[in-house]
Amino acid sequence: QLQLAESGGGLVQPGGSLRLSCLATGSPIDGIHIGWFRQAPGKEREAVSCISSSSTVTTIARTVKGRFTISRDNANNAVYLQMNNLKVEDTAVYHCARRAGCNIGGPFRESDYLDWGQGTQVTVDS
């Protein structure tokens, strides 16, 4: 059974960078689309990014476009989220999850996400 575990979060100053990792165990991810979403205190969950199984399709939310980049390493069963020029409003718990497709537009739908992990906290604060 697929299990996903996020890591790489932390406290960073505005303008800083972090690289989040999503490590899969129990099943290979080479045929699976993987997405990231985040939840900030008191806010709705928000889709952040998605990468297709073969990396041919990547989608990025408008709120992070130009700053975040998603990538994957199927050989190591991992997906990454490189976050640059972080802003205070990026503060949230970030989760990775399996998705059926990479269309992340529209309202957040929990049913689009399966097998997400505990998440990793990202705090952007001066």
Foldseek 3Di string as FASTA:
>chain_A
DKAWDKDWADEAAQQAKIKMKIAIPDDQQLQFKKWKWWDDPPDDIATAKIAGSPRPDIDGDPVQPPFWDKDADRVRRMIMIIGGRDDQVVWTFMKMFTAPDTPRDDDDDPVRGPNIDPTDTHGYHD
